[in-house]
Amino acid sequence: IASNVVLSGSMMNVLKIIILTAVRRGEAVGMRWIDIEGDRWTIPETKSGRPHVVTLSPLALSIIEEQRSITSQLSPFVFESPSKLGQSISNDSVTRALTRLRMRKMAETEPFTVHDLRRSVATLVGIELGVGPLEIEHMLNHQISDKLLRTYQTGALRNPEKLRSLFLRWGDIVKHQIAQHEVEKSPDVMGNVIQG
């Protein structure tokens, strides 16, 4: 990787997947090809002690497809370490990469961490999609702290179709924001008219 490049393609893709799926850093770097079936990514081991099924939006799927050309064919990991073939990118590498990106490209912003990306997704899902706290907890694969809710609302809390819809809607919001940003920074934009 050239010294003027802030992040490798794989490292940028890990951060994008975290933003699109709200998964933990270790879950993202540990993504394995065998855990992906169509648009369904099953994370077998999570902090909550139970598997977590993530629906991959079309944008997330395109990022994973891009990784096929970056990762060696024999690697079990989607995000393979460039220095340790057959192993995943390390958690610490992701932290250092985000710090480097922030320092070089966003020095004026307040410091933030990889985990702050996950917290930001939770906040924005609530704001942009009008989703309630329990659905956000489900998306984040958190253990619901209220024992009464866990006991009596299990079906409502763990509704796979609602969760699938939530991931897809969030992916659409992110994709729309990226497209909007590209239009706004285009030199051919005058007001709300794009010159052809």
C-alpha atoms as a PDB file:
ATOM      1  CA  ILE A   1       0.000   0.000   0.000  1.00  0.00           C
ATOM      2  CA  ALA A   2       1.450   3.365  -1.007  1.00  0.00           C
ATOM      3  CA  SER A   3       2.319   5.713   1.859  1.00  0.00           C
ATOM      4  CA  ASN A   4      -0.159   8.330   0.624  1.00  0.00           C
ATOM      5  CA  VAL A   5      -3.047   5.844   0.833  1.00  0.00           C
ATOM      6  CA  VAL A   6      -4.888   6.259   4.128  1.00  0.00           C
ATOM      7  CA  LEU A   7      -6.704   2.896   4.137  1.00  0.00           C
ATOM      8  CA  SER A   8      -6.475  -0.278   2.115  1.00  0.00           C
ATOM      9  CA  GLY A   9      -9.554  -1.377   0.194  1.00  0.00           C
ATOM     10  CA  SER A  10     -10.207  -4.200   2.662  1.00  0.00           C
ATOM     11  CA  MET A  11      -9.892  -1.945   5.681  1.00  0.00           C
ATOM     12  CA  MET A  12     -12.291   0.599   4.192  1.00  0.00           C
ATOM     13  CA  ASN A  13     -14.689  -2.244   3.397  1.00  0.00           C
ATOM     14  CA  VAL A  14     -14.602  -3.496   7.010  1.00  0.00           C
ATOM     15  CA  LEU A  15     -15.636  -0.029   8.204  1.00  0.00           C
ATOM     16  CA  LYS A  16     -18.395   0.123   5.586  1.00  0.00           C
ATOM     17  CA  ILE A  17     -19.743  -3.264   6.695  1.00  0.00           C
ATOM     18  CA  ILE A  18     -19.793  -2.084  10.321  1.00  0.00           C
ATOM     19  CA  ILE A  19     -21.792   0.976   9.272  1.00  0.00           C
ATOM     20  CA  LEU A  20     -24.217  -1.079   7.174  1.00  0.00           C
ATOM     21  CA  THR A  21     -24.754  -3.875   9.708  1.00  0.00           C
ATOM     22  CA  ALA A  22     -24.037  -2.324  13.140  1.00  0.00           C
ATOM     23  CA  VAL A  23     -21.952  -5.361  14.063  1.00  0.00           C
ATOM     24  CA  ARG A  24     -19.044  -5.300  16.474  1.00  0.00           C
ATOM     25  CA  ARG A  25     -15.523  -4.825  15.126  1.00  0.00           C
ATOM     26  CA  GLY A  26     -14.536  -8.421  15.912  1.00  0.00           C
ATOM     27  CA  GLU A  27     -17.658  -9.774  14.215  1.00  0.00           C
ATOM     28  CA  ALA A  28     -16.904  -7.775  11.059  1.00  0.00           C
ATOM     29  CA  VAL A  29     -13.261  -8.853  10.749  1.00  0.00           C
ATOM     30  CA  GLY A  30     -14.250 -12.434  11.582  1.00  0.00           C
ATOM     31  CA  MET A  31     -16.757 -12.628   8.703  1.00  0.00           C
ATOM     32  CA  ARG A  32     -16.280 -15.952   6.912  1.00  0.00           C
ATOM     33  CA  TRP A  33     -17.412 -16.953   3.454  1.00  0.00           C
ATOM     34  CA  ILE A  34     -19.186 -20.054   4.801  1.00  0.00           C
ATOM     35  CA  ASP A  35     -21.365 -17.903   7.079  1.00  0.00           C
ATOM     36  CA  ILE A  36     -22.884 -16.014   4.128  1.00  0.00           C
ATOM     37  CA  GLU A  37     -25.811 -17.530   2.258  1.00  0.00           C
ATOM     38  CA  GLY A  38     -27.419 -15.184  -0.252  1.00  0.00           C
ATOM     39  CA  ASP A  39     -28.157 -11.984   1.642  1.00  0.00           C
ATOM     40  CA  ARG A  40     -28.055 -13.748   5.017  1.00  0.00           C
ATOM     41  CA  TRP A  41     -24.940 -13.588   7.203  1.00  0.00           C
ATOM     42  CA  THR A  42     -25.058 -15.765  10.307  1.00  0.00           C
ATOM     43  CA  ILE A  43     -22.531 -14.778  12.954  1.00  0.00           C
ATOM     44  CA  PRO A  44     -22.115 -18.016  14.907  1.00  0.00           C
ATOM     45  CA  GLU A  45     -20.435 -16.589  18.015  1.00  0.00           C
ATOM     46  CA  THR A  46     -21.345 -13.223  19.493  1.00  0.00           C
ATOM     47  CA  LYS A  47     -20.856 -11.348  22.730  1.00  0.00           C
ATOM     48  CA  SER A  48     -24.475 -12.079  23.664  1.00  0.00           C
ATOM     49  CA  GLY A  49     -23.757 -15.810  23.540  1.00  0.00           C
ATOM     50  CA  ARG A  50     -26.166 -16.560  20.702  1.00  0.00           C
ATOM     51  CA  PRO A  51     -25.852 -16.513  16.912  1.00  0.00           C
ATOM     52  CA  HIS A  52     -26.913 -13.337  15.148  1.00  0.00           C
ATOM     53  CA  VAL A  53     -28.469 -13.274  11.686  1.00  0.00           C
ATOM     54  CA  VAL A  54     -27.736 -10.131   9.694  1.00  0.00           C
ATOM     55  CA  THR A  55     -29.484  -9.338   6.423  1.00  0.00           C
ATOM     56  CA  LEU A  56     -26.973  -7.887   3.982  1.00  0.00           C
ATOM     57  CA  SER A  57     -28.360  -4.989   1.968  1.00  0.00           C
ATOM     58  CA  PRO A  58     -27.523  -4.779  -1.751  1.00  0.00           C
ATOM     59  CA  LEU A  59     -24.808  -2.235  -0.884  1.00  0.00           C
ATOM     60  CA  ALA A  60     -23.287  -4.586   1.715  1.00  0.00           C
ATOM     61  CA  LEU A  61     -23.406  -7.457  -0.792  1.00  0.00           C
ATOM     62  CA  SER A  62     -21.553  -5.343  -3.373  1.00  0.00           C
ATOM     63  CA  ILE A  63     -18.818  -4.629  -0.803  1.00  0.00           C
ATOM     64  CA  ILE A  64     -18.492  -8.334  -0.018  1.00  0.00           C
ATOM     65  CA  GLU A  65     -18.358  -9.140  -3.723  1.00  0.00           C
ATOM     66  CA  GLU A  66     -15.529  -6.607  -4.096  1.00  0.00           C
ATOM     67  CA  GLN A  67     -13.652  -8.520  -1.392  1.00  0.00           C
ATOM     68  CA  ARG A  68     -13.633 -11.646  -3.577  1.00  0.00           C
ATOM     69  CA  SER A  69     -11.081  -9.943  -5.825  1.00  0.00           C
ATOM     70  CA  ILE A  70      -8.977  -8.785  -2.854  1.00  0.00           C
ATOM     71  CA  THR A  71      -8.940 -11.896  -0.658  1.00  0.00           C
ATOM     72  CA  SER A  72      -6.952 -14.992  -1.613  1.00  0.00           C
ATOM     73  CA  GLN A  73      -9.102 -17.847  -2.866  1.00  0.00           C
ATOM     74  CA  LEU A  74      -8.056 -20.150  -0.033  1.00  0.00           C
ATOM     75  CA  SER A  75      -8.842 -17.753   2.811  1.00  0.00           C
ATOM     76  CA  PRO A  76     -11.877 -18.601   4.910  1.00  0.00           C
ATOM     77  CA  PHE A  77     -12.184 -14.902   5.822  1.00  0.00           C
ATOM     78  CA  VAL A  78     -13.845 -12.174   3.792  1.00  0.00           C
ATOM     79  CA  PHE A  79     -11.452  -9.613   5.273  1.00  0.00           C
ATOM     80  CA  GLU A  80      -8.107 -11.360   5.070  1.00  0.00           C
ATOM     81  CA  SER A  81      -4.996  -9.865   6.646  1.00  0.00           C
ATOM     82  CA  PRO A  82      -2.610  -8.674   3.924  1.00  0.00           C
ATOM     83  CA  SER A  83       0.389  -9.702   6.043  1.00  0.00           C
ATOM     84  CA  LYS A  84      -0.946 -13.017   7.405  1.00  0.00           C
ATOM     85  CA  LEU A  85      -2.596 -14.909   4.570  1.00  0.00           C
ATOM     86  CA  GLY A  86      -5.416 -17.164   5.684  1.00  0.00           C
ATOM     87  CA  GLN A  87      -6.080 -15.059   8.794  1.00  0.00           C
ATOM     88  CA  SER A  88      -8.472 -12.181   9.275  1.00  0.00           C
ATOM     89  CA  ILE A  89      -7.577  -8.537   9.705  1.00  0.00           C
ATOM     90  CA  SER A  90      -7.017  -7.929  13.430  1.00  0.00           C
ATOM     91  CA  ASN A  91      -9.249  -5.824  15.664  1.00  0.00           C
ATOM     92  CA  ASP A  92      -6.314  -3.566  16.510  1.00  0.00           C
ATOM     93  CA  SER A  93      -5.593  -2.967  12.821  1.00  0.00           C
ATOM     94  CA  VAL A  94      -9.118  -1.656  12.348  1.00  0.00           C
ATOM     95  CA  THR A  95      -8.730   0.684  15.322  1.00  0.00           C
ATOM     96  CA  ARG A  96      -5.392   2.012  14.047  1.00  0.00           C
ATOM     97  CA  ALA A  97      -6.770   2.441  10.517  1.00  0.00           C
ATOM     98  CA  LEU A  98      -9.769   4.453  11.711  1.00  0.00           C
ATOM     99  CA  THR A  99      -7.490   6.651  13.823  1.00  0.00           C
ATOM    100  CA  ARG A 100      -5.239   7.216  10.793  1.00  0.00           C
ATOM    101  CA  LEU A 101      -8.251   8.073   8.616  1.00  0.00           C
ATOM    102  CA  ARG A 102      -9.595  10.490  11.211  1.00  0.00           C
ATOM    103  CA  MET A 103      -6.223  12.211  11.671  1.00  0.00           C
ATOM    104  CA  ARG A 104      -5.544  12.617   7.943  1.00  0.00           C
ATOM    105  CA  LYS A 105      -8.998  13.318   6.558  1.00  0.00           C
ATOM    106  CA  MET A 106     -11.150  14.461   9.497  1.00  0.00           C
ATOM    107  CA  ALA A 107      -8.745  16.153  11.909  1.00  0.00           C
ATOM    108  CA  GLU A 108     -11.318  18.822  12.792  1.00  0.00           C
ATOM    109  CA  THR A 109     -13.809  16.262  14.119  1.00  0.00           C
ATOM    110  CA  GLU A 110     -13.956  15.067  17.702  1.00  0.00           C
ATOM    111  CA  PRO A 111     -12.085  11.796  18.231  1.00  0.00           C
ATOM    112  CA  PHE A 112     -14.239   8.715  17.718  1.00  0.00           C
ATOM    113  CA  THR A 113     -13.750   4.958  17.814  1.00  0.00           C
ATOM    114  CA  VAL A 114     -14.886   1.985  15.765  1.00  0.00           C
ATOM    115  CA  HIS A 115     -17.506   1.283  18.425  1.00  0.00           C
ATOM    116  CA  ASP A 116     -18.814   4.830  17.980  1.00  0.00           C
ATOM    117  CA  LEU A 117     -19.766   3.842  14.421  1.00  0.00           C
ATOM    118  CA  ARG A 118     -22.047   1.167  15.870  1.00  0.00           C
ATOM    119  CA  ARG A 119     -23.541   3.635  18.360  1.00  0.00           C
ATOM    120  CA  SER A 120     -24.101   6.137  15.550  1.00  0.00           C
ATOM    121  CA  VAL A 121     -25.954   3.518  13.510  1.00  0.00           C
ATOM    122  CA  ALA A 122     -28.210   2.806  16.509  1.00  0.00           C
ATOM    123  CA  THR A 123     -28.972   6.516  16.903  1.00  0.00           C
ATOM    124  CA  LEU A 124     -29.585   7.134  13.206  1.00  0.00           C
ATOM    125  CA  VAL A 125     -31.765   4.041  12.769  1.00  0.00           C
ATOM    126  CA  GLY A 126     -34.003   5.460  15.492  1.00  0.00           C
ATOM    127  CA  ILE A 127     -34.053   8.941  13.958  1.00  0.00           C
ATOM    128  CA  GLU A 128     -34.161   8.167  10.223  1.00  0.00           C
ATOM    129  CA  LEU A 129     -36.377   5.077  10.342  1.00  0.00           C
ATOM    130  CA  GLY A 130     -38.445   5.825  13.443  1.00  0.00           C
ATOM    131  CA  VAL A 131     -37.441   2.529  14.996  1.00  0.00           C
ATOM    132  CA  GLY A 132     -38.004   1.934  18.708  1.00  0.00           C
ATOM    133  CA  PRO A 133     -35.356   0.998  21.250  1.00  0.00           C
ATOM    134  CA  LEU A 134     -36.287  -2.688  21.422  1.00  0.00           C
ATOM    135  CA  GLU A 135     -35.908  -3.134  17.661  1.00  0.00           C
ATOM    136  CA  ILE A 136     -32.564  -1.329  17.787  1.00  0.00           C
ATOM    137  CA  GLU A 137     -31.434  -3.650  20.585  1.00  0.00           C
ATOM    138  CA  HIS A 138     -32.421  -6.571  18.360  1.00  0.00           C
ATOM    139  CA  MET A 139     -30.439  -5.133  15.453  1.00  0.00           C
ATOM    140  CA  LEU A 140     -27.408  -4.737  17.728  1.00  0.00           C
ATOM    141  CA  ASN A 141     -27.928  -8.265  19.108  1.00  0.00           C
ATOM    142  CA  HIS A 142     -27.994  -6.948  22.660  1.00  0.00           C
ATOM    143  CA  GLN A 143     -29.399  -8.941  25.527  1.00  0.00           C
ATOM    144  CA  ILE A 144     -32.569  -7.127  26.642  1.00  0.00           C
ATOM    145  CA  SER A 145     -31.886  -5.992  30.214  1.00  0.00           C
ATOM    146  CA  ASP A 146     -35.523  -5.938  31.314  1.00  0.00           C
ATOM    147  CA  LYS A 147     -36.260  -9.484  32.526  1.00  0.00           C
ATOM    148  CA  LEU A 148     -40.021  -8.970  32.212  1.00  0.00           C
ATOM    149  CA  LEU A 149     -39.701  -7.999  28.539  1.00  0.00           C
ATOM    150  CA  ARG A 150     -37.365 -10.937  27.885  1.00  0.00           C
ATOM    151  CA  THR A 151     -39.852 -13.324  29.467  1.00  0.00           C
ATOM    152  CA  TYR A 152     -43.107 -12.088  27.957  1.00  0.00           C
ATOM    153  CA  GLN A 153     -42.109 -10.362  24.724  1.00  0.00           C
ATOM    154  CA  THR A 154     -39.704 -12.908  23.244  1.00  0.00           C
ATOM    155  CA  GLY A 155     -41.640 -13.270  19.977  1.00  0.00           C
ATOM    156  CA  ALA A 156     -41.997  -9.529  19.507  1.00  0.00           C
ATOM    157  CA  LEU A 157     -38.351  -8.885  20.325  1.00  0.00           C
ATOM    158  CA  ARG A 158     -36.864 -11.530  18.042  1.00  0.00           C
ATOM    159  CA  ASN A 159     -38.950 -11.157  14.893  1.00  0.00           C
ATOM    160  CA  PRO A 160     -36.683 -12.196  11.986  1.00  0.00           C
ATOM    161  CA  GLU A 161     -38.794 -10.538   9.274  1.00  0.00           C
ATOM    162  CA  LYS A 162     -38.874  -7.193  11.086  1.00  0.00           C
ATOM    163  CA  LEU A 163     -35.125  -7.411  11.586  1.00  0.00           C
ATOM    164  CA  ARG A 164     -34.578  -8.273   7.908  1.00  0.00           C
ATOM    165  CA  SER A 165     -36.655  -5.269   6.868  1.00  0.00           C
ATOM    166  CA  LEU A 166     -34.744  -3.037   9.274  1.00  0.00           C
ATOM    167  CA  PHE A 167     -31.354  -4.011   7.824  1.00  0.00           C
ATOM    168  CA  LEU A 168     -32.600  -3.492   4.253  1.00  0.00           C
ATOM    169  CA  ARG A 169     -34.169  -0.117   5.038  1.00  0.00           C
ATOM    170  CA  TRP A 170     -30.990   1.012   6.798  1.00  0.00           C
ATOM    171  CA  GLY A 171     -28.925  -0.071   3.767  1.00  0.00           C
ATOM    172  CA  ASP A 172     -31.185   2.025   1.533  1.00  0.00           C
ATOM    173  CA  ILE A 173     -30.713   5.085   3.767  1.00  0.00           C
ATOM    174  CA  VAL A 174     -26.917   4.709   3.669  1.00  0.00           C
ATOM    175  CA  LYS A 175     -26.920   4.177  -0.103  1.00  0.00           C
ATOM    176  CA  HIS A 176     -29.136   7.235  -0.601  1.00  0.00           C
ATOM    177  CA  GLN A 177     -26.844   9.374   1.558  1.00  0.00           C
ATOM    178  CA  ILE A 178     -23.791   8.254  -0.426  1.00  0.00           C
ATOM    179  CA  ALA A 179     -25.542   9.035  -3.718  1.00  0.00           C
ATOM    180  CA  GLN A 180     -26.648  12.430  -2.378  1.00  0.00           C
ATOM    181  CA  HIS A 181     -23.097  13.215  -1.240  1.00  0.00           C
ATOM    182  CA  GLU A 182     -21.714  12.310  -4.683  1.00  0.00           C
ATOM    183  CA  VAL A 183     -24.219  14.650  -6.361  1.00  0.00           C
ATOM    184  CA  GLU A 184     -23.419  17.498  -3.951  1.00  0.00           C
ATOM    185  CA  LYS A 185     -19.665  17.287  -4.520  1.00  0.00           C
ATOM    186  CA  SER A 186     -19.974  16.954  -8.297  1.00  0.00           C
ATOM    187  CA  PRO A 187     -18.583  20.000 -10.158  1.00  0.00           C
ATOM    188  CA  ASP A 188     -21.404  19.716 -12.692  1.00  0.00           C
ATOM    189  CA  VAL A 189     -24.137  20.438 -10.145  1.00  0.00           C
ATOM    190  CA  MET A 190     -25.856  23.824 -10.316  1.00  0.00           C
ATOM    191  CA  GLY A 191     -28.555  24.178  -7.697  1.00  0.00           C
ATOM    192  CA  ASN A 192     -30.697  21.101  -8.014  1.00  0.00           C
ATOM    193  CA  VAL A 193     -29.958  20.601 -11.721  1.00  0.00           C
ATOM    194  CA  ILE A 194     -27.252  18.198 -12.854  1.00  0.00           C
ATOM    195  CA  GLN A 195     -25.719  19.282 -16.145  1.00  0.00           C
ATOM    196  CA  GLY A 196     -25.576  16.438 -18.685  1.00  0.00           C
END
